Amino acid sequence: MDHLTISGLKVETIIGTNPWERETRQPIIVDLEMQLDSLPAARSDNIGDAVDYGAVGRRVRNLVSDSRFQLIEGIAERIANDVLQQERRVIKVTVCVTKPYAIPDASVSLTITRPRRPVS
């Protein structure tokens, strides 16, 4: 399997449990790794056979920017679900959400991996 990666997508959003975090937008950084078979796109050299990473990036940016999650766990899960629902070529997605100023002098990150579930 192949891996398509979007790294360092910085988005301002409302996130956190502290009162000031519910009023002030702050940056988070999103990294995505999408597992897929890129051979059809490589053979055709046609965007219709590929994952449009520009569209994925725009969707993630809009989803994060418009959200008001309290926890990075919630936003990571939402991003993973969106990618798997919208991108039929993606077999598995790994999402890392980093909150750069979560605690003094350190950032906090959560990384999740979600496979595509078979339709039953």
PDB file of N, CA and C in Angstrom:
ATOM      1  N   MET A   1       0.834  -1.188   0.000  1.00  0.00           N
ATOM      2  CA  MET A   1       0.000   0.000   0.000  1.00  0.00           C
ATOM      3  C   MET A   1       0.872   1.242   0.000  1.00  0.00           C
ATOM      4  N   ASP A   2       0.283   2.303  -0.501  1.00  0.00           N
ATOM      5  CA  ASP A   2       0.973   3.581  -0.616  1.00  0.00           C
ATOM      6  C   ASP A   2       0.415   4.553   0.422  1.00  0.00           C
ATOM      7  N   HIS A   3       1.164   5.608   0.678  1.00  0.00           N
ATOM      8  CA  HIS A   3       0.779   6.585   1.698  1.00  0.00           C
ATOM      9  C   HIS A   3       0.842   7.986   1.106  1.00  0.00           C
ATOM     10  N   LEU A   4      -0.250   8.704   1.193  1.00  0.00           N
ATOM     11  CA  LEU A   4      -0.334  10.103   0.781  1.00  0.00           C
ATOM     12  C   LEU A   4      -0.435  10.927   2.057  1.00  0.00           C
ATOM     13  N   THR A   5       0.458  11.898   2.206  1.00  0.00           N
ATOM     14  CA  THR A   5       0.555  12.638   3.459  1.00  0.00           C
ATOM     15  C   THR A   5       0.321  14.127   3.249  1.00  0.00           C
ATOM     16  N   ILE A   6      -0.467  14.711   4.118  1.00  0.00           N
ATOM     17  CA  ILE A   6      -0.609  16.163   4.230  1.00  0.00           C
ATOM     18  C   ILE A   6      -0.022  16.519   5.590  1.00  0.00           C
ATOM     19  N   SER A   7       0.996  17.365   5.598  1.00  0.00           N
ATOM     20  CA  SER A   7       1.706  17.679   6.843  1.00  0.00           C
ATOM     21  C   SER A   7       1.609  19.157   7.187  1.00  0.00           C
ATOM     22  N   GLY A   8       1.400  19.426   8.454  1.00  0.00           N
ATOM     23  CA  GLY A   8       1.505  20.788   8.957  1.00  0.00           C
ATOM     24  C   GLY A   8       0.385  21.727   8.569  1.00  0.00           C
ATOM     25  N   LEU A   9      -0.827  21.211   8.412  1.00  0.00           N
ATOM     26  CA  LEU A   9      -1.971  22.066   8.077  1.00  0.00           C
ATOM     27  C   LEU A   9      -2.370  22.851   9.325  1.00  0.00           C
ATOM     28  N   LYS A  10      -2.069  24.139   9.323  1.00  0.00           N
ATOM     29  CA  LYS A  10      -2.322  24.987  10.495  1.00  0.00           C
ATOM     30  C   LYS A  10      -3.666  25.678  10.326  1.00  0.00           C
ATOM     31  N   VAL A  11      -4.531  25.524  11.336  1.00  0.00           N
ATOM     32  CA  VAL A  11      -5.884  26.082  11.289  1.00  0.00           C
ATOM     33  C   VAL A  11      -6.208  26.707  12.645  1.00  0.00           C
ATOM     34  N   GLU A  12      -6.848  27.873  12.621  1.00  0.00           N
ATOM     35  CA  GLU A  12      -7.308  28.531  13.848  1.00  0.00           C
ATOM     36  C   GLU A  12      -8.727  28.049  14.148  1.00  0.00           C
ATOM     37  N   THR A  13      -8.976  27.707  15.406  1.00  0.00           N
ATOM     38  CA  THR A  13     -10.291  27.200  15.792  1.00  0.00           C
ATOM     39  C   THR A  13     -10.547  27.439  17.277  1.00  0.00           C
ATOM     40  N   ILE A  14     -11.775  27.203  17.670  1.00  0.00           N
ATOM     41  CA  ILE A  14     -12.130  27.187  19.091  1.00  0.00           C
ATOM     42  C   ILE A  14     -11.969  25.749  19.561  1.00  0.00           C
ATOM     43  N   ILE A  15     -11.056  25.533  20.504  1.00  0.00           N
ATOM     44  CA  ILE A  15     -10.854  24.186  21.047  1.00  0.00           C
ATOM     45  C   ILE A  15     -10.301  24.299  22.464  1.00  0.00           C
ATOM     46  N   GLY A  16     -10.850  23.488  23.345  1.00  0.00           N
ATOM     47  CA  GLY A  16     -10.359  23.467  24.717  1.00  0.00           C
ATOM     48  C   GLY A  16     -11.492  23.466  25.719  1.00  0.00           C
ATOM     49  N   THR A  17     -11.130  23.210  26.962  1.00  0.00           N
ATOM     50  CA  THR A  17     -12.120  23.137  28.036  1.00  0.00           C
ATOM     51  C   THR A  17     -12.071  24.340  28.967  1.00  0.00           C
ATOM     52  N   ASN A  18     -10.997  25.099  28.911  1.00  0.00           N
ATOM     53  CA  ASN A  18     -10.894  26.293  29.756  1.00  0.00           C
ATOM     54  C   ASN A  18     -11.801  27.398  29.230  1.00  0.00           C
ATOM     55  N   PRO A  19     -12.357  28.224  30.111  1.00  0.00           N
ATOM     56  CA  PRO A  19     -13.264  29.288  29.667  1.00  0.00           C
ATOM     57  C   PRO A  19     -12.667  30.186  28.583  1.00  0.00           C
ATOM     58  N   TRP A  20     -11.419  30.584  28.716  1.00  0.00           N
ATOM     59  CA  TRP A  20     -10.821  31.463  27.705  1.00  0.00           C
ATOM     60  C   TRP A  20     -10.687  30.761  26.359  1.00  0.00           C
ATOM     61  N   GLU A  21     -10.525  29.425  26.375  1.00  0.00           N
ATOM     62  CA  GLU A  21     -10.403  28.674  25.127  1.00  0.00           C
ATOM     63  C   GLU A  21     -11.731  28.605  24.375  1.00  0.00           C
ATOM     64  N   ARG A  22     -12.829  28.793  25.062  1.00  0.00           N
ATOM     65  CA  ARG A  22     -14.146  28.749  24.431  1.00  0.00           C
ATOM     66  C   ARG A  22     -14.469  30.068  23.736  1.00  0.00           C
ATOM     67  N   GLU A  23     -13.631  31.096  23.952  1.00  0.00           N
ATOM     68  CA  GLU A  23     -13.873  32.417  23.362  1.00  0.00           C
ATOM     69  C   GLU A  23     -12.790  32.850  22.386  1.00  0.00           C
ATOM     70  N   THR A  24     -11.601  32.283  22.498  1.00  0.00           N
ATOM     71  CA  THR A  24     -10.463  32.739  21.707  1.00  0.00           C
ATOM     72  C   THR A  24     -10.005  31.642  20.756  1.00  0.00           C
ATOM     73  N   ARG A  25      -9.950  31.979  19.457  1.00  0.00           N
ATOM     74  CA  ARG A  25      -9.449  31.015  18.475  1.00  0.00           C
ATOM     75  C   ARG A  25      -7.958  30.802  18.715  1.00  0.00           C
ATOM     76  N   GLN A  26      -7.536  29.564  18.551  1.00  0.00           N
ATOM     77  CA  GLN A  26      -6.120  29.244  18.705  1.00  0.00           C
ATOM     78  C   GLN A  26      -5.717  28.252  17.619  1.00  0.00           C
ATOM     79  N   PRO A  27      -4.435  28.195  17.305  1.00  0.00           N
ATOM     80  CA  PRO A  27      -4.010  27.306  16.224  1.00  0.00           C
ATOM     81  C   PRO A  27      -3.966  25.849  16.673  1.00  0.00           C
ATOM     82  N   ILE A  28      -4.307  24.989  15.740  1.00  0.00           N
ATOM     83  CA  ILE A  28      -3.968  23.576  15.867  1.00  0.00           C
ATOM     84  C   ILE A  28      -3.297  23.184  14.558  1.00  0.00           C
ATOM     85  N   ILE A  29      -2.549  22.123  14.603  1.00  0.00           N
ATOM     86  CA  ILE A  29      -1.850  21.634  13.416  1.00  0.00           C
ATOM     87  C   ILE A  29      -2.334  20.217  13.151  1.00  0.00           C
ATOM     88  N   VAL A  30      -2.708  19.979  11.891  1.00  0.00           N
ATOM     89  CA  VAL A  30      -3.240  18.673  11.497  1.00  0.00           C
ATOM     90  C   VAL A  30      -2.286  18.027  10.498  1.00  0.00           C
ATOM     91  N   ASP A  31      -1.954  16.777  10.754  1.00  0.00           N
ATOM     92  CA  ASP A  31      -1.204  15.946   9.815  1.00  0.00           C
ATOM     93  C   ASP A  31      -2.079  14.747   9.473  1.00  0.00           C
ATOM     94  N   LEU A  32      -2.130  14.417   8.188  1.00  0.00           N
ATOM     95  CA  LEU A  32      -2.918  13.272   7.715  1.00  0.00           C
ATOM     96  C   LEU A  32      -2.016  12.328   6.942  1.00  0.00           C
ATOM     97  N   GLU A  33      -2.201  11.052   7.153  1.00  0.00           N
ATOM     98  CA  GLU A  33      -1.574  10.049   6.305  1.00  0.00           C
ATOM     99  C   GLU A  33      -2.678   9.121   5.824  1.00  0.00           C
ATOM    100  N   MET A  34      -2.855   9.089   4.507  1.00  0.00           N
ATOM    101  CA  MET A  34      -3.915   8.281   3.911  1.00  0.00           C
ATOM    102  C   MET A  34      -3.290   7.091   3.198  1.00  0.00           C
ATOM    103  N   GLN A  35      -3.725   5.903   3.577  1.00  0.00           N
ATOM    104  CA  GLN A  35      -3.238   4.686   2.935  1.00  0.00           C
ATOM    105  C   GLN A  35      -4.155   4.374   1.761  1.00  0.00           C
ATOM    106  N   LEU A  36      -3.555   4.126   0.603  1.00  0.00           N
ATOM    107  CA  LEU A  36      -4.323   3.891  -0.615  1.00  0.00           C
ATOM    108  C   LEU A  36      -3.465   3.170  -1.639  1.00  0.00           C
ATOM    109  N   ASP A  37      -4.096   2.767  -2.712  1.00  0.00           N
ATOM    110  CA  ASP A  37      -3.388   2.210  -3.857  1.00  0.00           C
ATOM    111  C   ASP A  37      -3.269   3.329  -4.884  1.00  0.00           C
ATOM    112  N   SER A  38      -2.063   3.846  -5.079  1.00  0.00           N
ATOM    113  CA  SER A  38      -1.874   4.959  -6.012  1.00  0.00           C
ATOM    114  C   SER A  38      -1.574   4.500  -7.436  1.00  0.00           C
ATOM    115  N   LEU A  39      -1.504   3.192  -7.661  1.00  0.00           N
ATOM    116  CA  LEU A  39      -1.158   2.681  -8.985  1.00  0.00           C
ATOM    117  C   LEU A  39      -2.130   3.121 -10.082  1.00  0.00           C
ATOM    118  N   PRO A  40      -3.458   3.075  -9.876  1.00  0.00           N
ATOM    119  CA  PRO A  40      -4.353   3.545 -10.938  1.00  0.00           C
ATOM    120  C   PRO A  40      -4.072   4.998 -11.347  1.00  0.00           C
ATOM    121  N   ALA A  41      -3.816   5.863 -10.394  1.00  0.00           N
ATOM    122  CA  ALA A  41      -3.511   7.262 -10.710  1.00  0.00           C
ATOM    123  C   ALA A  41      -2.154   7.382 -11.398  1.00  0.00           C
ATOM    124  N   ALA A  42      -1.194   6.590 -10.957  1.00  0.00           N
ATOM    125  CA  ALA A  42       0.130   6.628 -11.576  1.00  0.00           C
ATOM    126  C   ALA A  42       0.068   6.190 -13.035  1.00  0.00           C
ATOM    127  N   ARG A  43      -0.739   5.183 -13.309  1.00  0.00           N
ATOM    128  CA  ARG A  43      -0.855   4.679 -14.684  1.00  0.00           C
ATOM    129  C   ARG A  43      -1.603   5.643 -15.595  1.00  0.00           C
ATOM    130  N   SER A  44      -2.659   6.257 -15.076  1.00  0.00           N
ATOM    131  CA  SER A  44      -3.483   7.132 -15.921  1.00  0.00           C
ATOM    132  C   SER A  44      -3.001   8.575 -15.927  1.00  0.00           C
ATOM    133  N   ASP A  45      -2.294   8.988 -14.877  1.00  0.00           N
ATOM    134  CA  ASP A  45      -1.885  10.382 -14.692  1.00  0.00           C
ATOM    135  C   ASP A  45      -3.099  11.305 -14.761  1.00  0.00           C
ATOM    136  N   ASN A  46      -4.205  10.846 -14.154  1.00  0.00           N
ATOM    137  CA  ASN A  46      -5.476  11.566 -14.191  1.00  0.00           C
ATOM    138  C   ASN A  46      -5.956  11.785 -12.757  1.00  0.00           C
ATOM    139  N   ILE A  47      -6.296  13.026 -12.431  1.00  0.00           N
ATOM    140  CA  ILE A  47      -6.753  13.353 -11.076  1.00  0.00           C
ATOM    141  C   ILE A  47      -8.011  12.572 -10.698  1.00  0.00           C
ATOM    142  N   GLY A  48      -8.787  12.166 -11.676  1.00  0.00           N
ATOM    143  CA  GLY A  48      -9.990  11.384 -11.403  1.00  0.00           C
ATOM    144  C   GLY A  48      -9.695  10.019 -10.808  1.00  0.00           C
ATOM    145  N   ASP A  49      -8.465   9.554 -10.970  1.00  0.00           N
ATOM    146  CA  ASP A  49      -8.056   8.263 -10.419  1.00  0.00           C
ATOM    147  C   ASP A  49      -7.243   8.412  -9.131  1.00  0.00           C
ATOM    148  N   ALA A  50      -7.163   9.635  -8.632  1.00  0.00           N
ATOM    149  CA  ALA A  50      -6.330   9.921  -7.458  1.00  0.00           C
ATOM    150  C   ALA A  50      -7.169  10.510  -6.332  1.00  0.00           C
ATOM    151  N   VAL A  51      -6.569  10.602  -5.160  1.00  0.00           N
ATOM    152  CA  VAL A  51      -7.155  11.376  -4.069  1.00  0.00           C
ATOM    153  C   VAL A  51      -6.731  12.823  -4.306  1.00  0.00           C
ATOM    154  N   ASP A  52      -7.687  13.705  -4.413  1.00  0.00           N
ATOM    155  CA  ASP A  52      -7.408  15.129  -4.621  1.00  0.00           C
ATOM    156  C   ASP A  52      -7.013  15.733  -3.276  1.00  0.00           C
ATOM    157  N   TYR A  53      -5.717  15.787  -3.026  1.00  0.00           N
ATOM    158  CA  TYR A  53      -5.254  16.245  -1.710  1.00  0.00           C
ATOM    159  C   TYR A  53      -5.558  17.714  -1.470  1.00  0.00           C
ATOM    160  N   GLY A  54      -5.714  18.496  -2.533  1.00  0.00           N
ATOM    161  CA  GLY A  54      -6.146  19.890  -2.366  1.00  0.00           C
ATOM    162  C   GLY A  54      -7.551  19.956  -1.793  1.00  0.00           C
ATOM    163  N   ALA A  55      -8.440  19.119  -2.318  1.00  0.00           N
ATOM    164  CA  ALA A  55      -9.819  19.076  -1.813  1.00  0.00           C
ATOM    165  C   ALA A  55      -9.857  18.554  -0.381  1.00  0.00           C
ATOM    166  N   VAL A  56      -9.041  17.547  -0.078  1.00  0.00           N
ATOM    167  CA  VAL A  56      -8.986  17.021   1.292  1.00  0.00           C
ATOM    168  C   VAL A  56      -8.528  18.123   2.243  1.00  0.00           C
ATOM    169  N   GLY A  57      -7.486  18.830   1.877  1.00  0.00           N
ATOM    170  CA  GLY A  57      -6.975  19.910   2.718  1.00  0.00           C
ATOM    171  C   GLY A  57      -8.002  21.002   2.957  1.00  0.00           C
ATOM    172  N   ARG A  58      -8.729  21.381   1.910  1.00  0.00           N
ATOM    173  CA  ARG A  58      -9.774  22.412   2.060  1.00  0.00           C
ATOM    174  C   ARG A  58     -10.894  21.935   2.983  1.00  0.00           C
ATOM    175  N   ARG A  59     -11.320  20.680   2.808  1.00  0.00           N
ATOM    176  CA  ARG A  59     -12.380  20.146   3.671  1.00  0.00           C
ATOM    177  C   ARG A  59     -11.940  20.105   5.130  1.00  0.00           C
ATOM    178  N   VAL A  60     -10.729  19.633   5.370  1.00  0.00           N
ATOM    179  CA  VAL A  60     -10.223  19.565   6.747  1.00  0.00           C
ATOM    180  C   VAL A  60     -10.119  20.970   7.331  1.00  0.00           C
ATOM    181  N   ARG A  61      -9.587  21.913   6.554  1.00  0.00           N
ATOM    182  CA  ARG A  61      -9.473  23.297   7.029  1.00  0.00           C
ATOM    183  C   ARG A  61     -10.851  23.853   7.402  1.00  0.00           C
ATOM    184  N   ASN A  62     -11.837  23.659   6.546  1.00  0.00           N
ATOM    185  CA  ASN A  62     -13.186  24.165   6.825  1.00  0.00           C
ATOM    186  C   ASN A  62     -13.806  23.471   8.034  1.00  0.00           C
ATOM    187  N   LEU A  63     -13.648  22.159   8.104  1.00  0.00           N
ATOM    188  CA  LEU A  63     -14.207  21.397   9.222  1.00  0.00           C
ATOM    189  C   LEU A  63     -13.626  21.892  10.547  1.00  0.00           C
ATOM    190  N   VAL A  64     -12.313  22.039  10.606  1.00  0.00           N
ATOM    191  CA  VAL A  64     -11.647  22.463  11.839  1.00  0.00           C
ATOM    192  C   VAL A  64     -11.988  23.911  12.171  1.00  0.00           C
ATOM    193  N   SER A  65     -11.915  24.772  11.181  1.00  0.00           N
ATOM    194  CA  SER A  65     -12.162  26.201  11.402  1.00  0.00           C
ATOM    195  C   SER A  65     -13.570  26.466  11.913  1.00  0.00           C
ATOM    196  N   ASP A  66     -14.532  25.708  11.418  1.00  0.00           N
ATOM    197  CA  ASP A  66     -15.938  25.913  11.789  1.00  0.00           C
ATOM    198  C   ASP A  66     -16.344  25.162  13.058  1.00  0.00           C
ATOM    199  N   SER A  67     -15.442  24.364  13.622  1.00  0.00           N
ATOM    200  CA  SER A  67     -15.809  23.517  14.761  1.00  0.00           C
ATOM    201  C   SER A  67     -15.606  24.233  16.089  1.00  0.00           C
ATOM    202  N   ARG A  68     -16.156  23.634  17.127  1.00  0.00           N
ATOM    203  CA  ARG A  68     -16.009  24.141  18.496  1.00  0.00           C
ATOM    204  C   ARG A  68     -15.833  22.964  19.458  1.00  0.00           C
ATOM    205  N   PHE A  69     -14.910  22.086  19.135  1.00  0.00           N
ATOM    206  CA  PHE A  69     -14.658  20.917  19.978  1.00  0.00           C
ATOM    207  C   PHE A  69     -13.986  21.330  21.275  1.00  0.00           C
ATOM    208  N   GLN A  70     -14.207  20.540  22.302  1.00  0.00           N
ATOM    209  CA  GLN A  70     -13.499  20.745  23.559  1.00  0.00           C
ATOM    210  C   GLN A  70     -12.190  19.957  23.585  1.00  0.00           C
ATOM    211  N   LEU A  71     -12.176  18.804  22.935  1.00  0.00           N
ATOM    212  CA  LEU A  71     -11.029  17.900  23.021  1.00  0.00           C
ATOM    213  C   LEU A  71     -10.427  17.625  21.649  1.00  0.00           C
ATOM    214  N   ILE A  72      -9.102  17.436  21.617  1.00  0.00           N
ATOM    215  CA  ILE A  72      -8.461  17.070  20.356  1.00  0.00           C
ATOM    216  C   ILE A  72      -8.900  15.676  19.914  1.00  0.00           C
ATOM    217  N   GLU A  73      -9.334  14.851  20.849  1.00  0.00           N
ATOM    218  CA  GLU A  73      -9.843  13.521  20.497  1.00  0.00           C
ATOM    219  C   GLU A  73     -11.058  13.631  19.576  1.00  0.00           C
ATOM    220  N   GLY A  74     -11.960  14.547  19.892  1.00  0.00           N
ATOM    221  CA  GLY A  74     -13.168  14.717  19.087  1.00  0.00           C
ATOM    222  C   GLY A  74     -12.875  15.221  17.694  1.00  0.00           C
ATOM    223  N   ILE A  75     -11.992  16.193  17.592  1.00  0.00           N
ATOM    224  CA  ILE A  75     -11.704  16.748  16.270  1.00  0.00           C
ATOM    225  C   ILE A  75     -10.925  15.749  15.412  1.00  0.00           C
ATOM    226  N   ALA A  76     -10.036  14.968  16.019  1.00  0.00           N
ATOM    227  CA  ALA A  76      -9.300  13.953  15.263  1.00  0.00           C
ATOM    228  C   ALA A  76     -10.251  12.900  14.700  1.00  0.00           C
ATOM    229  N   GLU A  77     -11.188  12.466  15.515  1.00  0.00           N
ATOM    230  CA  GLU A  77     -12.167  11.466  15.069  1.00  0.00           C
ATOM    231  C   GLU A  77     -13.026  12.017  13.936  1.00  0.00           C
ATOM    232  N   ARG A  78     -13.444  13.247  14.056  1.00  0.00           N
ATOM    233  CA  ARG A  78     -14.280  13.870  13.017  1.00  0.00           C
ATOM    234  C   ARG A  78     -13.524  13.974  11.697  1.00  0.00           C
ATOM    235  N   ILE A  79     -12.256  14.349  11.757  1.00  0.00           N
ATOM    236  CA  ILE A  79     -11.441  14.439  10.541  1.00  0.00           C
ATOM    237  C   ILE A  79     -11.306  13.058   9.903  1.00  0.00           C
ATOM    238  N   ALA A  80     -10.986  12.046  10.700  1.00  0.00           N
ATOM    239  CA  ALA A  80     -10.834  10.687  10.168  1.00  0.00           C
ATOM    240  C   ALA A  80     -12.123  10.213   9.507  1.00  0.00           C
ATOM    241  N   ASN A  81     -13.251  10.435  10.162  1.00  0.00           N
ATOM    242  CA  ASN A  81     -14.542  10.036   9.590  1.00  0.00           C
ATOM    243  C   ASN A  81     -14.807  10.744   8.274  1.00  0.00           C
ATOM    244  N   ASP A  82     -14.517  12.034   8.207  1.00  0.00           N
ATOM    245  CA  ASP A  82     -14.745  12.798   6.980  1.00  0.00           C
ATOM    246  C   ASP A  82     -13.904  12.247   5.832  1.00  0.00           C
ATOM    247  N   VAL A  83     -12.630  12.010   6.079  1.00  0.00           N
ATOM    248  CA  VAL A  83     -11.757  11.493   5.022  1.00  0.00           C
ATOM    249  C   VAL A  83     -12.264  10.144   4.523  1.00  0.00           C
ATOM    250  N   LEU A  84     -12.615   9.250   5.430  1.00  0.00           N
ATOM    251  CA  LEU A  84     -13.081   7.924   5.015  1.00  0.00           C
ATOM    252  C   LEU A  84     -14.427   7.978   4.298  1.00  0.00           C
ATOM    253  N   GLN A  85     -15.291   8.911   4.676  1.00  0.00           N
ATOM    254  CA  GLN A  85     -16.587   9.039   4.005  1.00  0.00           C
ATOM    255  C   GLN A  85     -16.456   9.668   2.625  1.00  0.00           C
ATOM    256  N   GLN A  86     -15.569  10.627   2.484  1.00  0.00           N
ATOM    257  CA  GLN A  86     -15.485  11.399   1.245  1.00  0.00           C
ATOM    258  C   GLN A  86     -14.501  10.834   0.222  1.00  0.00           C
ATOM    259  N   GLU A  87     -13.527  10.081   0.668  1.00  0.00           N
ATOM    260  CA  GLU A  87     -12.470   9.600  -0.233  1.00  0.00           C
ATOM    261  C   GLU A  87     -12.520   8.083  -0.333  1.00  0.00           C
ATOM    262  N   ARG A  88     -13.212   7.580  -1.338  1.00  0.00           N
ATOM    263  CA  ARG A  88     -13.432   6.138  -1.468  1.00  0.00           C
ATOM    264  C   ARG A  88     -12.142   5.354  -1.712  1.00  0.00           C
ATOM    265  N   ARG A  89     -11.110   6.021  -2.181  1.00  0.00           N
ATOM    266  CA  ARG A  89      -9.843   5.333  -2.444  1.00  0.00           C
ATOM    267  C   ARG A  89      -9.005   5.115  -1.179  1.00  0.00           C
ATOM    268  N   VAL A  90      -9.328   5.828  -0.117  1.00  0.00           N
ATOM    269  CA  VAL A  90      -8.549   5.726   1.120  1.00  0.00           C
ATOM    270  C   VAL A  90      -8.983   4.484   1.896  1.00  0.00           C
ATOM    271  N   ILE A  91      -8.028   3.628   2.200  1.00  0.00           N
ATOM    272  CA  ILE A  91      -8.272   2.375   2.911  1.00  0.00           C
ATOM    273  C   ILE A  91      -8.156   2.569   4.421  1.00  0.00           C
ATOM    274  N   LYS A  92      -7.223   3.429   4.807  1.00  0.00           N
ATOM    275  CA  LYS A  92      -6.973   3.697   6.224  1.00  0.00           C
ATOM    276  C   LYS A  92      -6.430   5.116   6.327  1.00  0.00           C
ATOM    277  N   VAL A  93      -6.791   5.809   7.392  1.00  0.00           N
ATOM    278  CA  VAL A  93      -6.298   7.173   7.594  1.00  0.00           C
ATOM    279  C   VAL A  93      -5.711   7.299   8.994  1.00  0.00           C
ATOM    280  N   THR A  94      -4.604   7.993   9.068  1.00  0.00           N
ATOM    281  CA  THR A  94      -3.996   8.350  10.348  1.00  0.00           C
ATOM    282  C   THR A  94      -4.051   9.865  10.462  1.00  0.00           C
ATOM    283  N   VAL A  95      -4.574  10.337  11.578  1.00  0.00           N
ATOM    284  CA  VAL A  95      -4.731  11.769  11.823  1.00  0.00           C
ATOM    285  C   VAL A  95      -3.961  12.126  13.086  1.00  0.00           C
ATOM    286  N   CYS A  96      -3.131  13.151  12.985  1.00  0.00           N
ATOM    287  CA  CYS A  96      -2.443  13.686  14.157  1.00  0.00           C
ATOM    288  C   CYS A  96      -2.899  15.131  14.336  1.00  0.00           C
ATOM    289  N   VAL A  97      -3.445  15.437  15.495  1.00  0.00           N
ATOM    290  CA  VAL A  97      -3.860  16.798  15.833  1.00  0.00           C
ATOM    291  C   VAL A  97      -2.932  17.290  16.938  1.00  0.00           C
ATOM    292  N   THR A  98      -2.296  18.427  16.683  1.00  0.00           N
ATOM    293  CA  THR A  98      -1.378  19.021  17.652  1.00  0.00           C
ATOM    294  C   THR A  98      -1.933  20.348  18.126  1.00  0.00           C
ATOM    295  N   LYS A  99      -1.947  20.516  19.419  1.00  0.00           N
ATOM    296  CA  LYS A  99      -2.351  21.773  20.048  1.00  0.00           C
ATOM    297  C   LYS A  99      -1.060  22.399  20.591  1.00  0.00           C
ATOM    298  N   PRO A 100      -0.502  23.383  19.855  1.00  0.00           N
ATOM    299  CA  PRO A 100       0.833  23.880  20.184  1.00  0.00           C
ATOM    300  C   PRO A 100       0.976  24.519  21.560  1.00  0.00           C
ATOM    301  N   TYR A 101      -0.075  25.127  22.074  1.00  0.00           N
ATOM    302  CA  TYR A 101       0.044  25.861  23.337  1.00  0.00           C
ATOM    303  C   TYR A 101      -0.841  25.254  24.425  1.00  0.00           C
ATOM    304  N   ALA A 102      -0.976  23.938  24.409  1.00  0.00           N
ATOM    305  CA  ALA A 102      -1.873  23.260  25.346  1.00  0.00           C
ATOM    306  C   ALA A 102      -1.409  23.390  26.792  1.00  0.00           C
ATOM    307  N   ILE A 103      -0.118  23.301  26.988  1.00  0.00           N
ATOM    308  CA  ILE A 103       0.448  23.457  28.328  1.00  0.00           C
ATOM    309  C   ILE A 103       1.683  24.344  28.209  1.00  0.00           C
ATOM    310  N   PRO A 104       2.095  24.990  29.281  1.00  0.00           N
ATOM    311  CA  PRO A 104       3.256  25.882  29.200  1.00  0.00           C
ATOM    312  C   PRO A 104       4.501  25.158  28.672  1.00  0.00           C
ATOM    313  N   ASP A 105       5.120  25.786  27.685  1.00  0.00           N
ATOM    314  CA  ASP A 105       6.395  25.323  27.127  1.00  0.00           C
ATOM    315  C   ASP A 105       6.333  23.970  26.430  1.00  0.00           C
ATOM    316  N   ALA A 106       5.135  23.542  26.022  1.00  0.00           N
ATOM    317  CA  ALA A 106       5.034  22.260  25.315  1.00  0.00           C
ATOM    318  C   ALA A 106       3.763  22.211  24.484  1.00  0.00           C
ATOM    319  N   SER A 107       3.811  21.392  23.456  1.00  0.00           N
ATOM    320  CA  SER A 107       2.607  21.116  22.678  1.00  0.00           C
ATOM    321  C   SER A 107       2.103  19.728  23.061  1.00  0.00           C
ATOM    322  N   VAL A 108       0.848  19.468  22.719  1.00  0.00           N
ATOM    323  CA  VAL A 108       0.235  18.161  22.971  1.00  0.00           C
ATOM    324  C   VAL A 108      -0.334  17.664  21.652  1.00  0.00           C
ATOM    325  N   SER A 109      -0.096  16.397  21.345  1.00  0.00           N
ATOM    326  CA  SER A 109      -0.593  15.797  20.107  1.00  0.00           C
ATOM    327  C   SER A 109      -1.332  14.506  20.408  1.00  0.00           C
ATOM    328  N   LEU A 110      -2.294  14.222  19.555  1.00  0.00           N
ATOM    329  CA  LEU A 110      -2.984  12.937  19.581  1.00  0.00           C
ATOM    330  C   LEU A 110      -2.947  12.384  18.170  1.00  0.00           C
ATOM    331  N   THR A 111      -2.573  11.122  18.030  1.00  0.00           N
ATOM    332  CA  THR A 111      -2.564  10.457  16.735  1.00  0.00           C
ATOM    333  C   THR A 111      -3.512   9.266  16.798  1.00  0.00           C
ATOM    334  N   ILE A 112      -4.431   9.213  15.822  1.00  0.00           N
ATOM    335  CA  ILE A 112      -5.359   8.084  15.725  1.00  0.00           C
ATOM    336  C   ILE A 112      -5.256   7.473  14.331  1.00  0.00           C
ATOM    337  N   THR A 113      -5.545   6.200  14.229  1.00  0.00           N
ATOM    338  CA  THR A 113      -5.600   5.505  12.945  1.00  0.00           C
ATOM    339  C   THR A 113      -6.946   4.814  12.854  1.00  0.00           C
ATOM    340  N   ARG A 114      -7.626   5.046  11.733  1.00  0.00           N
ATOM    341  CA  ARG A 114      -8.942   4.446  11.524  1.00  0.00           C
ATOM    342  C   ARG A 114      -8.982   3.770  10.154  1.00  0.00           C
ATOM    343  N   PRO A 115      -9.341   2.476  10.120  1.00  0.00           N
ATOM    344  CA  PRO A 115      -9.502   1.781   8.845  1.00  0.00           C
ATOM    345  C   PRO A 115     -10.907   2.001   8.291  1.00  0.00           C
ATOM    346  N   ARG A 116     -11.017   1.808   6.998  1.00  0.00           N
ATOM    347  CA  ARG A 116     -12.348   1.800   6.391  1.00  0.00           C
ATOM    348  C   ARG A 116     -13.066   0.550   6.883  1.00  0.00           C
ATOM    349  N   ARG A 117     -14.283   0.705   7.313  1.00  0.00           N
ATOM    350  CA  ARG A 117     -15.081  -0.424   7.803  1.00  0.00           C
ATOM    351  C   ARG A 117     -15.885  -0.996   6.643  1.00  0.00           C
ATOM    352  N   PRO A 118     -15.972  -2.325   6.559  1.00  0.00           N
ATOM    353  CA  PRO A 118     -16.808  -2.916   5.511  1.00  0.00           C
ATOM    354  C   PRO A 118     -18.273  -2.529   5.711  1.00  0.00           C
ATOM    355  N   VAL A 119     -18.952  -2.304   4.604  1.00  0.00           N
ATOM    356  CA  VAL A 119     -20.380  -1.997   4.669  1.00  0.00           C
ATOM    357  C   VAL A 119     -21.126  -3.294   4.912  1.00  0.00           C
ATOM    358  N   SER A 120     -21.982  -3.304   5.947  1.00  0.00           N
ATOM    359  CA  SER A 120     -22.711  -4.545   6.249  1.00  0.00           C
ATOM    360  C   SER A 120     -24.154  -4.440   5.868  1.00  0.00           C
TER     361      SER A 120
END
